[in-house]
C-alpha atoms as a PDB file:
ATOM      1  CA  MET A   1    -210.120-194.491  -8.291  1.00  0.00           C
ATOM      2  CA  LYS A   2    -208.823-194.895 -11.766  1.00  0.00           C
ATOM      3  CA  SER A   3    -205.703-196.920 -12.286  1.00  0.00           C
ATOM      4  CA  ALA A   4    -202.998-195.488 -14.559  1.00  0.00           C
ATOM      5  CA  ARG A   5    -202.319-197.424 -17.698  1.00  0.00           C
ATOM      6  CA  GLY A   6    -199.062-197.526 -19.672  1.00  0.00           C
ATOM      7  CA  PHE A   7    -198.419-198.216 -23.300  1.00  0.00           C
ATOM      8  CA  THR A   8    -199.613-201.431 -24.822  1.00  0.00           C
ATOM      9  CA  LEU A   9    -197.226-203.893 -26.388  1.00  0.00           C
ATOM     10  CA  ILE A  10    -198.519-203.058 -29.882  1.00  0.00           C
ATOM     11  CA  GLU A  11    -197.847-199.334 -29.374  1.00  0.00           C
ATOM     12  CA  LEU A  12    -194.303-200.028 -28.197  1.00  0.00           C
ATOM     13  CA  MET A  13    -193.652-202.332 -31.160  1.00  0.00           C
ATOM     14  CA  ILE A  14    -194.860-199.667 -33.597  1.00  0.00           C
ATOM     15  CA  VAL A  15    -192.515-197.093 -32.050  1.00  0.00           C
ATOM     16  CA  VAL A  16    -189.580-199.493 -32.268  1.00  0.00           C
ATOM     17  CA  ALA A  17    -190.412-200.255 -35.921  1.00  0.00           C
ATOM     18  CA  ILE A  18    -190.551-196.542 -36.779  1.00  0.00           C
ATOM     19  CA  ILE A  19    -187.192-195.931 -35.107  1.00  0.00           C
ATOM     20  CA  ALA A  20    -185.660-198.876 -37.000  1.00  0.00           C
ATOM     21  CA  ILE A  21    -186.924-197.539 -40.356  1.00  0.00           C
ATOM     22  CA  LEU A  22    -185.619-194.042 -39.669  1.00  0.00           C
ATOM     23  CA  THR A  23    -182.260-195.427 -38.568  1.00  0.00           C
ATOM     24  CA  SER A  24    -181.832-197.515 -41.709  1.00  0.00           C
ATOM     25  CA  ILE A  25    -182.631-194.514 -43.913  1.00  0.00           C
ATOM     26  CA  SER A  26    -180.242-192.229 -42.037  1.00  0.00           C
ATOM     27  CA  ILE A  27    -177.390-194.755 -42.197  1.00  0.00           C
ATOM     28  CA  THR A  28    -177.766-195.031 -45.979  1.00  0.00           C
ATOM     29  CA  VAL A  29    -177.817-191.252 -46.405  1.00  0.00           C
ATOM     30  CA  TYR A  30    -174.764-190.918 -44.143  1.00  0.00           C
ATOM     31  CA  GLN A  31    -172.798-193.540 -46.097  1.00  0.00           C
ATOM     32  CA  ASN A  32    -173.606-191.834 -49.418  1.00  0.00           C
ATOM     33  CA  SER A  33    -172.538-188.453 -48.049  1.00  0.00           C
ATOM     34  CA  LEU A  34    -169.339-189.944 -46.688  1.00  0.00           C
ATOM     35  CA  GLY A  35    -168.538-191.570 -50.053  1.00  0.00           C
ATOM     36  CA  LYS A  36    -169.152-188.303 -51.910  1.00  0.00           C
ATOM     37  CA  SER A  37    -166.825-186.413 -49.596  1.00  0.00           C
ATOM     38  CA  GLN A  38    -164.126-189.068 -49.989  1.00  0.00           C
ATOM     39  CA  LEU A  39    -164.423-189.022 -53.782  1.00  0.00           C
ATOM     40  CA  SER A  40    -164.123-185.231 -53.789  1.00  0.00           C
ATOM     41  CA  GLU A  41    -160.442-185.653 -52.859  1.00  0.00           C
ATOM     42  CA  ALA A  42    -159.854-187.209 -56.294  1.00  0.00           C
ATOM     43  CA  PHE A  43    -161.426-184.192 -58.001  1.00  0.00           C
ATOM     44  CA  THR A  44    -159.328-181.810 -55.896  1.00  0.00           C
ATOM     45  CA  THR A  45    -156.162-183.710 -56.791  1.00  0.00           C
ATOM     46  CA  ILE A  46    -156.981-183.670 -60.498  1.00  0.00           C
ATOM     47  CA  ASP A  47    -157.945-179.983 -60.446  1.00  0.00           C
ATOM     48  CA  GLY A  48    -154.479-179.207 -59.105  1.00  0.00           C
ATOM     49  CA  LEU A  49    -152.908-180.967 -62.094  1.00  0.00           C
ATOM     50  CA  LYS A  50    -155.104-179.612 -64.880  1.00  0.00           C
ATOM     51  CA  ALA A  51    -153.309-176.276 -65.284  1.00  0.00           C
ATOM     52  CA  ASP A  52    -149.830-177.865 -65.366  1.00  0.00           C
ATOM     53  CA  VAL A  53    -150.888-180.476 -67.930  1.00  0.00           C
ATOM     54  CA  ALA A  54    -152.659-177.941 -70.124  1.00  0.00           C
ATOM     55  CA  ASP A  55    -149.694-175.530 -70.022  1.00  0.00           C
ATOM     56  CA  TYR A  56    -147.197-178.252 -70.889  1.00  0.00           C
ATOM     57  CA  GLN A  57    -149.352-179.586 -73.717  1.00  0.00           C
ATOM     58  CA  HIS A  58    -149.902-176.086 -75.097  1.00  0.00           C
ATOM     59  CA  GLN A  59    -146.155-175.329 -75.082  1.00  0.00           C
ATOM     60  CA  THR A  60    -144.830-178.659 -76.359  1.00  0.00           C
ATOM     61  CA  GLY A  61    -147.749-180.349 -78.101  1.00  0.00           C
ATOM     62  CA  ALA A  62    -147.226-183.478 -75.980  1.00  0.00           C
ATOM     63  CA  CYS A  63    -148.519-184.741 -72.667  1.00  0.00           C
ATOM     64  CA  PRO A  64    -146.208-184.595 -69.663  1.00  0.00           C
ATOM     65  CA  SER A  65    -145.259-187.680 -67.710  1.00  0.00           C
ATOM     66  CA  ALA A  66    -143.854-188.259 -64.235  1.00  0.00           C
ATOM     67  CA  GLY A  67    -140.708-186.200 -63.795  1.00  0.00           C
ATOM     68  CA  VAL A  68    -141.443-183.980 -66.803  1.00  0.00           C
ATOM     69  CA  GLY A  69    -143.198-180.634 -66.909  1.00  0.00           C
ATOM     70  CA  GLY A  70    -143.530-180.322 -63.151  1.00  0.00           C
ATOM     71  CA  ILE A  71    -145.413-183.606 -62.847  1.00  0.00           C
ATOM     72  CA  LEU A  72    -144.331-185.688 -59.854  1.00  0.00           C
ATOM     73  CA  SER A  73    -144.526-189.448 -59.358  1.00  0.00           C
ATOM     74  CA  PRO A  74    -148.067-190.846 -59.025  1.00  0.00           C
ATOM     75  CA  ALA A  75    -147.710-191.585 -55.306  1.00  0.00           C
ATOM     76  CA  SER A  76    -146.814-187.930 -54.668  1.00  0.00           C
ATOM     77  CA  TYR A  77    -150.422-187.007 -55.361  1.00  0.00           C
ATOM     78  CA  GLY A  78    -151.795-189.495 -52.845  1.00  0.00           C
ATOM     79  CA  GLY A  79    -153.888-188.425 -49.910  1.00  0.00           C
ATOM     80  CA  ARG A  80    -156.072-189.900 -47.260  1.00  0.00           C
ATOM     81  CA  TYR A  81    -158.455-191.445 -49.811  1.00  0.00           C
ATOM     82  CA  VAL A  82    -156.538-191.169 -53.110  1.00  0.00           C
ATOM     83  CA  ALA A  83    -153.683-193.613 -53.717  1.00  0.00           C
ATOM     84  CA  GLY A  84    -152.148-191.509 -56.487  1.00  0.00           C
ATOM     85  CA  ALA A  85    -152.667-189.741 -59.789  1.00  0.00           C
ATOM     86  CA  THR A  86    -151.097-190.392 -63.166  1.00  0.00           C
ATOM     87  CA  VAL A  87    -150.795-188.313 -66.311  1.00  0.00           C
ATOM     88  CA  THR A  88    -150.698-190.251 -69.574  1.00  0.00           C
ATOM     89  CA  SER A  89    -151.245-189.729 -73.275  1.00  0.00           C
ATOM     90  CA  GLY A  90    -154.506-190.918 -74.770  1.00  0.00           C
ATOM     91  CA  SER A  91    -155.834-191.122 -78.285  1.00  0.00           C
ATOM     92  CA  ASN A  92    -157.692-187.811 -77.908  1.00  0.00           C
ATOM     93  CA  GLY A  93    -155.306-185.968 -75.605  1.00  0.00           C
ATOM     94  CA  CYS A  94    -153.849-186.033 -72.128  1.00  0.00           C
ATOM     95  CA  LEU A  95    -155.417-188.132 -69.382  1.00  0.00           C
ATOM     96  CA  ILE A  96    -155.254-187.474 -65.650  1.00  0.00           C
ATOM     97  CA  THR A  97    -156.388-190.462 -63.612  1.00  0.00           C
ATOM     98  CA  ALA A  98    -156.813-190.559 -59.844  1.00  0.00           C
ATOM     99  CA  LEU A  99    -156.965-193.977 -58.178  1.00  0.00           C
ATOM    100  CA  MET A 100    -158.904-194.376 -54.929  1.00  0.00           C
ATOM    101  CA  ARG A 101    -157.276-196.324 -52.106  1.00  0.00           C
ATOM    102  CA  SER A 102    -158.329-199.887 -51.399  1.00  0.00           C
ATOM    103  CA  ASN A 103    -158.619-199.693 -47.638  1.00  0.00           C
ATOM    104  CA  THR A 104    -159.494-196.236 -46.253  1.00  0.00           C
ATOM    105  CA  VAL A 105    -162.498-195.369 -48.409  1.00  0.00           C
ATOM    106  CA  ALA A 106    -166.119-196.442 -48.642  1.00  0.00           C
ATOM    107  CA  GLN A 107    -166.555-200.036 -49.775  1.00  0.00           C
ATOM    108  CA  LYS A 108    -168.053-199.079 -53.145  1.00  0.00           C
ATOM    109  CA  LEU A 109    -165.159-196.689 -53.944  1.00  0.00           C
ATOM    110  CA  ARG A 110    -162.258-199.045 -53.274  1.00  0.00           C
ATOM    111  CA  GLY A 111    -159.956-199.226 -56.294  1.00  0.00           C
ATOM    112  CA  LYS A 112    -162.200-196.998 -58.423  1.00  0.00           C
ATOM    113  CA  THR A 113    -160.778-194.343 -60.739  1.00  0.00           C
ATOM    114  CA  VAL A 114    -161.697-190.856 -61.862  1.00  0.00           C
ATOM    115  CA  THR A 115    -160.292-189.794 -65.237  1.00  0.00           C
ATOM    116  CA  PHE A 116    -160.266-186.390 -66.882  1.00  0.00           C
ATOM    117  CA  THR A 117    -159.434-186.317 -70.587  1.00  0.00           C
ATOM    118  CA  MET A 118    -158.053-183.087 -72.029  1.00  0.00           C
ATOM    119  CA  THR A 119    -158.769-182.274 -75.629  1.00  0.00           C
ATOM    120  CA  PRO A 120    -156.768-179.337 -76.973  1.00  0.00           C
ATOM    121  CA  ASN A 121    -158.988-176.772 -78.652  1.00  0.00           C
ATOM    122  CA  GLY A 122    -156.798-174.040 -80.064  1.00  0.00           C
ATOM    123  CA  GLY A 123    -155.325-172.294 -77.037  1.00  0.00           C
ATOM    124  CA  ASN A 124    -157.925-173.747 -74.705  1.00  0.00           C
ATOM    125  CA  ALA A 125    -158.165-177.103 -73.026  1.00  0.00           C
ATOM    126  CA  GLU A 126    -161.487-178.901 -72.809  1.00  0.00           C
ATOM    127  CA  TRP A 127    -161.811-181.470 -70.036  1.00  0.00           C
ATOM    128  CA  ALA A 128    -164.205-184.432 -70.018  1.00  0.00           C
ATOM    129  CA  CYS A 129    -164.765-186.543 -66.929  1.00  0.00           C
ATOM    130  CA  SER A 130    -165.348-190.277 -66.656  1.00  0.00           C
ATOM    131  CA  SER A 131    -165.300-192.704 -63.754  1.00  0.00           C
ATOM    132  CA  ASN A 132    -166.066-196.283 -62.843  1.00  0.00           C
ATOM    133  CA  ALA A 133    -167.364-195.223 -59.409  1.00  0.00           C
ATOM    134  CA  PRO A 134    -171.082-195.617 -58.666  1.00  0.00           C
ATOM    135  CA  VAL A 135    -173.156-192.772 -60.110  1.00  0.00           C
ATOM    136  CA  THR A 136    -174.604-191.887 -56.693  1.00  0.00           C
ATOM    137  CA  TYR A 137    -171.168-190.673 -55.565  1.00  0.00           C
ATOM    138  CA  LEU A 138    -170.290-188.668 -58.687  1.00  0.00           C
ATOM    139  CA  PRO A 139    -170.847-184.942 -59.120  1.00  0.00           C
ATOM    140  CA  GLN A 140    -173.031-183.785 -61.994  1.00  0.00           C
ATOM    141  CA  VAL A 141    -170.030-182.974 -64.229  1.00  0.00           C
ATOM    142  CA  CYS A 142    -168.995-186.624 -64.250  1.00  0.00           C
ATOM    143  CA  ARG A 143    -172.331-188.389 -64.771  1.00  0.00           C
END
């Protein structure tokens, strides 16, 4: 009669090591995906303001501020991950800046900002993106 043999200790250790490697990779990918989705709220908030800012600037030649031109207070634009958004005047045009919260977002996004700068170009508005968030979380338009 043959006796049945199980797995050796080496084989079990190799399986455990493979599972640990796959787990560490999947956690990193999950955290990056989560950060990207949280940062997308800032882009959605800013996109909602772009038309109002561009219209006001086109009509008056100046940038709107809170309480002017349909722009609300910065906290009014807050969400689950965005603390608020401000509209200010810059040297090249109007700036819309969204500030990420400091407690409900991914660690690397806490307190980071996303800024879109509008440069008037005749009747059109050209927007340029900048951010101090890690590049891995930013969409292609902002890199």
